[in-house]
Amino acid sequence: MRSATLNLYSAALYHLTEQHLVDLCLMILGYDEHAEVTPWQAIGWLKDEVGCDVKRLPSWPVIDELRLVANAVKHGEGHSAADLHQLRPDLFVLPHLKVTEIETSRLRVRKPLFGQDIYVSANDFVKYHEGSVAFWNEVADQRGAVT
């Protein structure tokens, strides 16, 4: 249950970040709040219309890792799981095996919503939470730089 909970919290944290990005753009740029806006469109608008390139912020690598975690947790095997495995192979090792010399090269992501196959630790979640807070502080700091 612990692994399942941390996996779900991580996915939720990323999606909250995406929702806030879209809401921020809708508020700043005055777009119709009922418009279908993707997070990637919002990122592009922030860069093009406001001059805030979020992908250059120091916290972006943590947010991007969190994106991979969220997508791998939701969808299981796929591009995000493969990319996450390249970036953080330790997330695919059972916590009690991390202290041994056993290495896993098998990448099967079938049930991350049940706390299997991907193992976000409490420390990982703290990193993602702190990265998210830092991200929004960095976005706020950009306001003075672009006005």
N, C-alpha and C. Protein backbone atom coordinates (compact mmCIF):
# COMPACT_ATOMS: atom_id res chain seq x y z
N MET A 1 0.82 -1.20 0.00
CA MET A 1 0.00 0.00 0.00
C MET A 1 0.86 1.26 0.00
N ARG A 2 2.01 1.19 0.68
CA ARG A 2 2.88 2.36 0.74
C ARG A 2 3.36 2.75 -0.67
N SER A 3 3.81 1.76 -1.42
CA SER A 3 4.28 2.04 -2.78
C SER A 3 3.15 2.56 -3.66
N ALA A 4 1.99 1.95 -3.55
CA ALA A 4 0.85 2.39 -4.34
C ALA A 4 0.50 3.84 -4.01
N THR A 5 0.50 4.17 -2.72
CA THR A 5 0.15 5.52 -2.29
C THR A 5 1.16 6.54 -2.79
N LEU A 6 2.45 6.25 -2.65
CA LEU A 6 3.47 7.19 -3.12
C LEU A 6 3.43 7.34 -4.64
N ASN A 7 3.17 6.25 -5.35
CA ASN A 7 3.04 6.34 -6.81
C ASN A 7 1.86 7.23 -7.19
N LEU A 8 0.74 7.03 -6.52
CA LEU A 8 -0.46 7.83 -6.82
C LEU A 8 -0.27 9.29 -6.45
N TYR A 9 0.34 9.55 -5.30
CA TYR A 9 0.59 10.93 -4.91
C TYR A 9 1.51 11.63 -5.92
N SER A 10 2.49 10.90 -6.41
CA SER A 10 3.41 11.48 -7.40
C SER A 10 2.67 11.83 -8.68
N ALA A 11 1.83 10.92 -9.16
CA ALA A 11 1.05 11.19 -10.36
C ALA A 11 0.12 12.39 -10.14
N ALA A 12 -0.51 12.43 -8.98
CA ALA A 12 -1.43 13.55 -8.68
C ALA A 12 -0.68 14.87 -8.60
N LEU A 13 0.51 14.86 -8.00
CA LEU A 13 1.29 16.09 -7.89
C LEU A 13 1.65 16.63 -9.27
N TYR A 14 2.05 15.75 -10.18
CA TYR A 14 2.37 16.22 -11.53
C TYR A 14 1.13 16.78 -12.22
N HIS A 15 0.01 16.10 -12.09
CA HIS A 15 -1.19 16.58 -12.77
C HIS A 15 -1.70 17.88 -12.17
N LEU A 16 -1.50 18.08 -10.91
CA LEU A 16 -1.82 19.36 -10.30
C LEU A 16 -0.95 20.46 -10.90
N THR A 17 0.32 20.16 -11.10
CA THR A 17 1.24 21.12 -11.73
C THR A 17 0.76 21.46 -13.14
N GLU A 18 0.39 20.43 -13.90
CA GLU A 18 -0.13 20.67 -15.26
C GLU A 18 -1.38 21.55 -15.22
N GLN A 19 -2.30 21.26 -14.32
CA GLN A 19 -3.53 22.03 -14.23
C GLN A 19 -3.25 23.49 -13.87
N HIS A 20 -2.31 23.70 -12.97
CA HIS A 20 -1.95 25.07 -12.61
C HIS A 20 -1.29 25.81 -13.77
N LEU A 21 -0.48 25.11 -14.55
CA LEU A 21 0.12 25.75 -15.73
C LEU A 21 -0.96 26.24 -16.69
N VAL A 22 -1.92 25.40 -16.96
CA VAL A 22 -3.01 25.77 -17.86
C VAL A 22 -3.80 26.93 -17.27
N ASP A 23 -4.15 26.85 -15.99
CA ASP A 23 -4.92 27.92 -15.34
C ASP A 23 -4.15 29.24 -15.36
N LEU A 24 -2.85 29.18 -15.13
CA LEU A 24 -2.03 30.39 -15.16
C LEU A 24 -2.11 31.06 -16.52
N CYS A 25 -1.98 30.27 -17.57
CA CYS A 25 -2.07 30.84 -18.92
C CYS A 25 -3.44 31.43 -19.20
N LEU A 26 -4.47 30.72 -18.78
CA LEU A 26 -5.81 31.23 -19.01
C LEU A 26 -6.02 32.56 -18.29
N MET A 27 -5.46 32.68 -17.08
CA MET A 27 -5.61 33.93 -16.32
C MET A 27 -4.76 35.05 -16.92
N ILE A 28 -3.51 34.76 -17.21
CA ILE A 28 -2.59 35.81 -17.71
C ILE A 28 -2.99 36.28 -19.10
N LEU A 29 -3.27 35.34 -19.96
CA LEU A 29 -3.48 35.68 -21.36
C LEU A 29 -4.94 35.94 -21.71
N GLY A 30 -5.82 35.75 -20.73
CA GLY A 30 -7.22 36.07 -20.95
C GLY A 30 -7.94 35.15 -21.93
N TYR A 31 -7.47 33.92 -22.04
CA TYR A 31 -8.14 32.99 -22.94
C TYR A 31 -9.44 32.49 -22.31
N ASP A 32 -10.33 32.02 -23.16
CA ASP A 32 -11.60 31.47 -22.72
C ASP A 32 -11.32 30.30 -21.78
N GLU A 33 -11.87 30.38 -20.58
CA GLU A 33 -11.59 29.35 -19.58
C GLU A 33 -12.16 27.99 -19.96
N HIS A 34 -13.03 27.94 -20.94
CA HIS A 34 -13.59 26.67 -21.38
C HIS A 34 -12.81 26.10 -22.56
N ALA A 35 -11.80 26.82 -23.00
CA ALA A 35 -10.99 26.33 -24.11
C ALA A 35 -10.20 25.10 -23.69
N GLU A 36 -10.03 24.19 -24.61
CA GLU A 36 -9.21 23.00 -24.36
C GLU A 36 -7.75 23.40 -24.58
N VAL A 37 -7.01 23.47 -23.50
CA VAL A 37 -5.60 23.87 -23.54
C VAL A 37 -4.77 22.75 -22.95
N THR A 38 -3.79 22.30 -23.69
CA THR A 38 -2.91 21.26 -23.16
C THR A 38 -1.79 21.91 -22.35
N PRO A 39 -1.20 21.17 -21.44
CA PRO A 39 -0.06 21.72 -20.70
C PRO A 39 1.08 22.15 -21.63
N TRP A 40 1.31 21.41 -22.71
CA TRP A 40 2.40 21.77 -23.63
C TRP A 40 2.08 23.06 -24.36
N GLN A 41 0.80 23.31 -24.67
CA GLN A 41 0.42 24.60 -25.24
C GLN A 41 0.66 25.71 -24.23
N ALA A 42 0.31 25.46 -22.98
CA ALA A 42 0.52 26.46 -21.93
C ALA A 42 2.00 26.78 -21.78
N ILE A 43 2.85 25.78 -21.81
CA ILE A 43 4.30 26.00 -21.72
C ILE A 43 4.77 26.85 -22.89
N GLY A 44 4.27 26.55 -24.09
CA GLY A 44 4.62 27.34 -25.27
C GLY A 44 4.15 28.77 -25.17
N TRP A 45 2.93 28.97 -24.69
CA TRP A 45 2.39 30.32 -24.53
C TRP A 45 3.19 31.12 -23.51
N LEU A 46 3.53 30.48 -22.41
CA LEU A 46 4.34 31.19 -21.40
C LEU A 46 5.65 31.67 -22.01
N LYS A 47 6.25 30.84 -22.82
CA LYS A 47 7.52 31.22 -23.45
C LYS A 47 7.31 32.32 -24.50
N ASP A 48 6.35 32.11 -25.38
CA ASP A 48 6.14 33.03 -26.50
C ASP A 48 5.49 34.34 -26.10
N GLU A 49 4.49 34.28 -25.23
CA GLU A 49 3.71 35.46 -24.90
C GLU A 49 4.21 36.22 -23.67
N VAL A 50 4.85 35.49 -22.75
CA VAL A 50 5.26 36.10 -21.49
C VAL A 50 6.78 36.16 -21.37
N GLY A 51 7.46 35.34 -22.14
CA GLY A 51 8.92 35.30 -22.07
C GLY A 51 9.45 34.44 -20.95
N CYS A 52 8.63 33.53 -20.45
CA CYS A 52 9.03 32.64 -19.36
C CYS A 52 9.19 31.23 -19.91
N ASP A 53 10.43 30.82 -20.14
CA ASP A 53 10.71 29.48 -20.64
C ASP A 53 10.90 28.55 -19.45
N VAL A 54 9.82 27.87 -19.05
CA VAL A 54 9.86 27.04 -17.86
C VAL A 54 10.86 25.89 -17.99
N LYS A 55 11.15 25.49 -19.21
CA LYS A 55 12.09 24.38 -19.41
C LYS A 55 13.53 24.78 -19.09
N ARG A 56 13.77 26.08 -18.90
CA ARG A 56 15.11 26.55 -18.53
C ARG A 56 15.24 26.83 -17.03
N LEU A 57 14.17 26.66 -16.29
CA LEU A 57 14.21 26.90 -14.85
C LEU A 57 15.01 25.78 -14.18
N PRO A 58 15.72 26.10 -13.10
CA PRO A 58 16.53 25.09 -12.41
C PRO A 58 15.72 23.88 -11.93
N SER A 59 14.46 24.06 -11.62
CA SER A 59 13.64 22.97 -11.11
C SER A 59 13.05 22.09 -12.22
N TRP A 60 13.18 22.50 -13.47
CA TRP A 60 12.53 21.76 -14.56
C TRP A 60 12.95 20.28 -14.62
N PRO A 61 14.21 19.91 -14.42
CA PRO A 61 14.53 18.48 -14.48
C PRO A 61 13.73 17.63 -13.48
N VAL A 62 13.45 18.18 -12.31
CA VAL A 62 12.64 17.44 -11.34
C VAL A 62 11.20 17.34 -11.83
N ILE A 63 10.67 18.41 -12.39
CA ILE A 63 9.30 18.39 -12.91
C ILE A 63 9.20 17.42 -14.07
N ASP A 64 10.21 17.39 -14.93
CA ASP A 64 10.19 16.48 -16.07
C ASP A 64 10.30 15.02 -15.61
N GLU A 65 11.11 14.75 -14.59
CA GLU A 65 11.17 13.40 -14.02
C GLU A 65 9.81 13.02 -13.44
N LEU A 66 9.20 13.95 -12.74
CA LEU A 66 7.88 13.71 -12.17
C LEU A 66 6.86 13.41 -13.26
N ARG A 67 6.98 14.08 -14.40
CA ARG A 67 6.10 13.81 -15.55
C ARG A 67 6.25 12.35 -16.00
N LEU A 68 7.49 11.89 -16.09
CA LEU A 68 7.73 10.51 -16.50
C LEU A 68 7.15 9.53 -15.49
N VAL A 69 7.34 9.83 -14.21
CA VAL A 69 6.78 8.98 -13.15
C VAL A 69 5.26 8.92 -13.29
N ALA A 70 4.62 10.08 -13.43
CA ALA A 70 3.16 10.13 -13.52
C ALA A 70 2.66 9.32 -14.72
N ASN A 71 3.28 9.50 -15.85
CA ASN A 71 2.83 8.78 -17.05
C ASN A 71 3.09 7.28 -16.94
N ALA A 72 4.23 6.91 -16.37
CA ALA A 72 4.52 5.48 -16.21
C ALA A 72 3.58 4.84 -15.19
N VAL A 73 3.27 5.57 -14.13
CA VAL A 73 2.34 5.05 -13.12
C VAL A 73 0.96 4.87 -13.74
N LYS A 74 0.52 5.83 -14.53
CA LYS A 74 -0.82 5.75 -15.11
C LYS A 74 -0.93 4.71 -16.22
N HIS A 75 0.10 4.64 -17.07
CA HIS A 75 -0.02 3.85 -18.29
C HIS A 75 0.78 2.56 -18.29
N GLY A 76 1.66 2.38 -17.31
CA GLY A 76 2.49 1.18 -17.29
C GLY A 76 3.57 1.26 -18.36
N GLU A 77 3.79 0.14 -19.04
CA GLU A 77 4.85 0.08 -20.05
C GLU A 77 4.58 1.08 -21.16
N GLY A 78 5.65 1.63 -21.69
CA GLY A 78 5.54 2.58 -22.78
C GLY A 78 6.76 3.48 -22.80
N HIS A 79 6.67 4.56 -23.57
CA HIS A 79 7.80 5.48 -23.74
C HIS A 79 8.22 6.13 -22.42
N SER A 80 7.26 6.56 -21.64
CA SER A 80 7.60 7.22 -20.38
C SER A 80 8.30 6.26 -19.43
N ALA A 81 7.82 5.03 -19.35
CA ALA A 81 8.47 4.04 -18.47
C ALA A 81 9.89 3.76 -18.95
N ALA A 82 10.08 3.64 -20.26
CA ALA A 82 11.42 3.39 -20.81
C ALA A 82 12.34 4.58 -20.54
N ASP A 83 11.83 5.80 -20.74
CA ASP A 83 12.65 6.99 -20.48
C ASP A 83 12.97 7.12 -18.99
N LEU A 84 12.00 6.82 -18.13
CA LEU A 84 12.22 6.87 -16.69
C LEU A 84 13.25 5.82 -16.28
N HIS A 85 13.18 4.65 -16.87
CA HIS A 85 14.14 3.58 -16.56
C HIS A 85 15.55 4.02 -16.92
N GLN A 86 15.71 4.74 -18.02
CA GLN A 86 17.03 5.28 -18.40
C GLN A 86 17.52 6.29 -17.38
N LEU A 87 16.61 7.14 -16.94
CA LEU A 87 16.95 8.22 -16.01
C LEU A 87 17.13 7.73 -14.58
N ARG A 88 16.23 6.89 -14.13
CA ARG A 88 16.19 6.45 -12.72
C ARG A 88 15.92 4.94 -12.63
N PRO A 89 16.87 4.11 -13.03
CA PRO A 89 16.63 2.67 -12.97
C PRO A 89 16.34 2.17 -11.56
N ASP A 90 16.79 2.89 -10.54
CA ASP A 90 16.55 2.49 -9.16
C ASP A 90 15.07 2.49 -8.79
N LEU A 91 14.25 3.26 -9.51
CA LEU A 91 12.81 3.30 -9.21
C LEU A 91 12.11 1.99 -9.58
N PHE A 92 12.80 1.13 -10.30
CA PHE A 92 12.22 -0.12 -10.76
C PHE A 92 12.71 -1.32 -9.95
N VAL A 93 13.38 -1.05 -8.85
CA VAL A 93 13.93 -2.11 -8.00
C VAL A 93 13.14 -2.12 -6.69
N LEU A 94 12.72 -3.31 -6.28
CA LEU A 94 12.03 -3.44 -5.00
C LEU A 94 12.87 -2.81 -3.89
N PRO A 95 12.27 -2.03 -3.02
CA PRO A 95 13.04 -1.34 -1.97
C PRO A 95 13.95 -2.27 -1.16
N HIS A 96 13.49 -3.45 -0.81
CA HIS A 96 14.33 -4.34 0.00
C HIS A 96 15.47 -4.96 -0.80
N LEU A 97 15.42 -4.88 -2.13
CA LEU A 97 16.53 -5.37 -2.95
C LEU A 97 17.57 -4.28 -3.24
N LYS A 98 17.24 -3.03 -2.94
CA LYS A 98 18.17 -1.93 -3.22
C LYS A 98 19.41 -2.01 -2.34
N VAL A 99 19.32 -2.66 -1.21
CA VAL A 99 20.47 -2.76 -0.30
C VAL A 99 21.36 -3.95 -0.63
N THR A 100 20.95 -4.74 -1.62
CA THR A 100 21.75 -5.89 -2.03
C THR A 100 22.47 -5.56 -3.33
N GLU A 101 23.24 -6.49 -3.80
CA GLU A 101 23.94 -6.30 -5.07
C GLU A 101 23.12 -6.83 -6.25
N ILE A 102 21.88 -7.21 -6.00
CA ILE A 102 21.04 -7.73 -7.06
C ILE A 102 20.67 -6.58 -7.99
N GLU A 103 20.84 -6.82 -9.28
CA GLU A 103 20.49 -5.80 -10.25
C GLU A 103 19.37 -6.33 -11.13
N THR A 104 18.49 -5.45 -11.49
CA THR A 104 17.40 -5.86 -12.36
C THR A 104 17.54 -5.18 -13.70
N SER A 105 17.46 -5.96 -14.76
CA SER A 105 17.48 -5.37 -16.10
C SER A 105 16.13 -5.56 -16.78
N ARG A 106 15.25 -6.26 -16.10
CA ARG A 106 13.92 -6.51 -16.65
C ARG A 106 13.04 -5.29 -16.45
N LEU A 107 12.45 -4.84 -17.51
CA LEU A 107 11.55 -3.69 -17.42
C LEU A 107 10.15 -4.14 -17.80
N ARG A 108 9.37 -4.44 -16.80
CA ARG A 108 7.97 -4.77 -17.00
C ARG A 108 7.19 -3.90 -16.04
N VAL A 109 6.39 -3.06 -16.59
CA VAL A 109 5.59 -2.15 -15.76
C VAL A 109 4.13 -2.48 -16.03
N ARG A 110 3.59 -3.31 -15.14
CA ARG A 110 2.23 -3.79 -15.32
C ARG A 110 1.25 -3.21 -14.31
N LYS A 111 1.69 -3.07 -13.05
CA LYS A 111 0.73 -2.69 -12.00
C LYS A 111 1.27 -1.61 -11.07
N PRO A 112 1.75 -0.49 -11.62
CA PRO A 112 2.26 0.55 -10.72
C PRO A 112 1.19 1.18 -9.84
N LEU A 113 -0.07 1.15 -10.27
CA LEU A 113 -1.14 1.70 -9.43
C LEU A 113 -1.39 0.82 -8.21
N PHE A 114 -0.91 -0.41 -8.25
CA PHE A 114 -1.02 -1.32 -7.10
C PHE A 114 0.26 -1.36 -6.29
N GLY A 115 1.20 -0.47 -6.61
CA GLY A 115 2.45 -0.42 -5.85
C GLY A 115 3.47 -1.44 -6.31
N GLN A 116 3.33 -1.90 -7.53
CA GLN A 116 4.29 -2.85 -8.09
C GLN A 116 4.98 -2.25 -9.30
N ASP A 117 6.20 -2.68 -9.54
CA ASP A 117 6.98 -2.37 -10.74
C ASP A 117 7.66 -1.00 -10.73
N ILE A 118 7.06 -0.01 -10.10
CA ILE A 118 7.69 1.30 -9.88
C ILE A 118 7.56 1.57 -8.39
N TYR A 119 8.67 2.01 -7.79
CA TYR A 119 8.70 2.16 -6.34
C TYR A 119 9.22 3.55 -5.96
N VAL A 120 8.31 4.53 -5.98
CA VAL A 120 8.65 5.89 -5.53
C VAL A 120 8.81 5.81 -4.01
N SER A 121 9.94 6.29 -3.53
CA SER A 121 10.17 6.29 -2.08
C SER A 121 9.64 7.58 -1.47
N ALA A 122 9.59 7.60 -0.15
CA ALA A 122 9.19 8.83 0.55
C ALA A 122 10.18 9.95 0.23
N ASN A 123 11.46 9.62 0.15
CA ASN A 123 12.47 10.63 -0.20
C ASN A 123 12.26 11.15 -1.62
N ASP A 124 11.90 10.26 -2.55
CA ASP A 124 11.60 10.69 -3.92
C ASP A 124 10.43 11.65 -3.92
N PHE A 125 9.38 11.31 -3.16
CA PHE A 125 8.21 12.18 -3.14
C PHE A 125 8.54 13.55 -2.54
N VAL A 126 9.35 13.56 -1.50
CA VAL A 126 9.78 14.84 -0.92
C VAL A 126 10.52 15.65 -1.98
N LYS A 127 11.40 15.00 -2.74
CA LYS A 127 12.12 15.69 -3.82
C LYS A 127 11.14 16.26 -4.85
N TYR A 128 10.14 15.48 -5.22
CA TYR A 128 9.16 15.96 -6.20
C TYR A 128 8.33 17.12 -5.64
N HIS A 129 7.95 17.02 -4.38
CA HIS A 129 7.17 18.10 -3.76
C HIS A 129 8.01 19.37 -3.68
N GLU A 130 9.24 19.25 -3.19
CA GLU A 130 10.10 20.42 -3.08
C GLU A 130 10.42 20.99 -4.47
N GLY A 131 10.58 20.12 -5.45
CA GLY A 131 10.82 20.58 -6.82
C GLY A 131 9.63 21.34 -7.37
N SER A 132 8.44 20.88 -7.03
CA SER A 132 7.22 21.56 -7.48
C SER A 132 7.09 22.94 -6.83
N VAL A 133 7.36 23.01 -5.54
CA VAL A 133 7.32 24.31 -4.85
C VAL A 133 8.37 25.24 -5.45
N ALA A 134 9.58 24.73 -5.68
CA ALA A 134 10.64 25.54 -6.28
C ALA A 134 10.23 26.01 -7.67
N PHE A 135 9.60 25.13 -8.44
CA PHE A 135 9.16 25.48 -9.79
C PHE A 135 8.24 26.70 -9.76
N TRP A 136 7.25 26.67 -8.88
CA TRP A 136 6.30 27.79 -8.85
C TRP A 136 6.95 29.06 -8.31
N ASN A 137 7.88 28.93 -7.39
CA ASN A 137 8.63 30.11 -6.94
C ASN A 137 9.48 30.68 -8.07
N GLU A 138 10.08 29.82 -8.87
CA GLU A 138 10.89 30.27 -10.01
C GLU A 138 10.02 30.92 -11.08
N VAL A 139 8.84 30.36 -11.32
CA VAL A 139 7.91 30.99 -12.27
C VAL A 139 7.54 32.38 -11.77
N ALA A 140 7.23 32.50 -10.48
CA ALA A 140 6.89 33.80 -9.90
C ALA A 140 8.04 34.78 -10.02
N ASP A 141 9.26 34.31 -9.83
CA ASP A 141 10.44 35.17 -9.94
C ASP A 141 10.63 35.67 -11.36
N GLN A 142 10.16 34.93 -12.34
CA GLN A 142 10.29 35.34 -13.75
C GLN A 142 9.43 36.56 -14.07
N ARG A 143 8.40 36.77 -13.27
CA ARG A 143 7.49 37.89 -13.51
C ARG A 143 8.26 39.20 -13.55
N GLY A 144 9.16 39.39 -12.61
CA GLY A 144 9.95 40.62 -12.58
C GLY A 144 10.97 40.69 -13.71
N ALA A 145 11.42 39.53 -14.17
CA ALA A 145 12.44 39.50 -15.21
C ALA A 145 11.87 39.80 -16.59
N VAL A 146 10.56 39.55 -16.79
CA VAL A 146 9.99 39.72 -18.11
C VAL A 146 9.15 40.98 -18.25
N THR A 147 8.96 41.73 -17.16
CA THR A 147 8.15 42.94 -17.28
C THR A 147 9.00 44.14 -17.59
